[in-house]
Amino acid sequence: MCSEYAGSITVKVKSYVSPLEHVEGFAPGKLFQLELAADTALEELVQKLFGENRGHIGFKVVNGKVVKDKVLADGDLIEIHRLMGGG
């Protein structure tokens, strides 16, 4: 197995929850790219982007699979979905 040093990765994010602060390229439901440290976990990204708004997140999807947390990899597609109301 070949190991290369990678200081950063690029991921694509589609979120239906607004980030706490301005994020270049963010629009609800539209893809935008982020460059992250190579060892970034999904929960770290969620905390950084959404902070207090995390309570509005219903579920997180990475590459088509619902996950609670994982270390992200270069090229991952992350989807952040809102809590769904109902009754």
Protein backbone atom coordinates (compact mmCIF):
# COMPACT_ATOMS: atom_id res chain seq x y z
CA MET A 1 0.00 0.00 0.00
CA CYS A 2 1.46 3.33 -1.06
CA SER A 3 1.28 6.15 1.46
CA GLU A 4 1.46 9.75 0.36
CA TYR A 5 1.44 12.76 2.68
CA ALA A 6 -1.65 14.85 2.16
CA GLY A 7 -1.91 18.00 4.26
CA SER A 8 -5.39 18.86 3.06
CA ILE A 9 -8.42 17.39 1.35
CA THR A 10 -11.25 18.89 -0.67
CA VAL A 11 -14.83 17.85 0.02
CA LYS A 12 -18.14 18.83 -1.54
CA VAL A 13 -20.96 19.87 0.78
CA LYS A 14 -24.68 20.26 0.18
CA SER A 15 -26.53 21.63 3.20
CA TYR A 16 -30.13 22.47 3.94
CA VAL A 17 -29.08 24.00 7.28
CA SER A 18 -27.47 27.45 7.23
CA PRO A 19 -23.93 27.78 8.60
CA LEU A 20 -23.43 29.98 11.65
CA GLU A 21 -21.11 32.34 9.72
CA HIS A 22 -20.72 33.25 6.05
CA VAL A 23 -19.28 30.40 3.96
CA GLU A 24 -18.10 31.22 0.45
CA GLY A 25 -20.37 29.51 -2.08
CA PHE A 26 -23.08 28.45 0.39
CA ALA A 27 -26.70 28.47 -0.76
CA PRO A 28 -29.30 26.06 0.70
CA GLY A 29 -29.31 22.80 -1.25
CA LYS A 30 -26.44 23.82 -3.57
CA LEU A 31 -23.03 22.13 -3.70
CA PHE A 32 -20.00 24.04 -2.50
CA GLN A 33 -16.42 22.96 -1.87
CA LEU A 34 -14.35 23.16 1.27
CA GLU A 35 -10.67 22.53 1.83
CA LEU A 36 -10.02 20.82 5.16
CA ALA A 37 -7.14 19.31 7.10
CA ALA A 38 -6.55 15.71 6.00
CA ASP A 39 -7.59 14.25 9.38
CA THR A 40 -10.88 16.17 9.78
CA ALA A 41 -13.81 14.20 11.16
CA LEU A 42 -17.38 14.88 10.08
CA GLU A 43 -18.38 16.03 13.59
CA GLU A 44 -15.49 18.54 13.62
CA LEU A 45 -16.73 19.98 10.34
CA VAL A 46 -20.32 20.13 11.63
CA GLN A 47 -19.24 21.91 14.82
CA LYS A 48 -17.11 24.41 12.89
CA LEU A 49 -19.78 25.21 10.28
CA PHE A 50 -22.98 25.04 12.30
CA GLY A 51 -22.11 25.53 15.98
CA GLU A 52 -25.39 26.25 17.76
CA ASN A 53 -27.35 25.50 14.57
CA ARG A 54 -26.36 21.82 14.94
CA GLY A 55 -29.67 21.30 16.72
CA HIS A 56 -31.41 21.86 13.37
CA ILE A 57 -29.58 18.94 11.75
CA GLY A 58 -31.64 15.79 11.34
CA PHE A 59 -29.07 13.55 9.69
CA LYS A 60 -25.74 13.60 7.84
CA VAL A 61 -24.91 11.67 4.69
CA VAL A 62 -21.42 10.95 3.34
CA ASN A 63 -21.19 9.45 -0.13
CA GLY A 64 -24.81 8.29 -0.03
CA LYS A 65 -24.69 6.66 3.43
CA VAL A 66 -26.19 8.09 6.63
CA VAL A 67 -23.40 8.36 9.22
CA LYS A 68 -22.97 9.82 12.69
CA ASP A 69 -19.24 10.49 12.34
CA LYS A 70 -16.22 9.42 10.31
CA VAL A 71 -12.88 10.78 9.21
CA LEU A 72 -13.44 12.53 5.89
CA ALA A 73 -11.49 11.71 2.74
CA ASP A 74 -10.59 13.72 -0.33
CA GLY A 75 -13.55 13.91 -2.70
CA ASP A 76 -16.23 12.99 -0.17
CA LEU A 77 -19.74 14.31 -0.83
CA ILE A 78 -21.37 15.46 2.41
CA GLU A 79 -25.08 16.23 2.72
CA ILE A 80 -26.55 17.93 5.78
CA HIS A 81 -30.32 17.55 6.14
CA ARG A 82 -32.72 19.43 8.41
CA LEU A 83 -34.83 17.87 11.13
CA MET A 84 -38.11 16.80 9.63
CA GLY A 85 -41.29 17.89 11.30
CA GLY A 86 -44.42 15.87 11.36
CA GLY A 87 -47.25 14.89 13.43
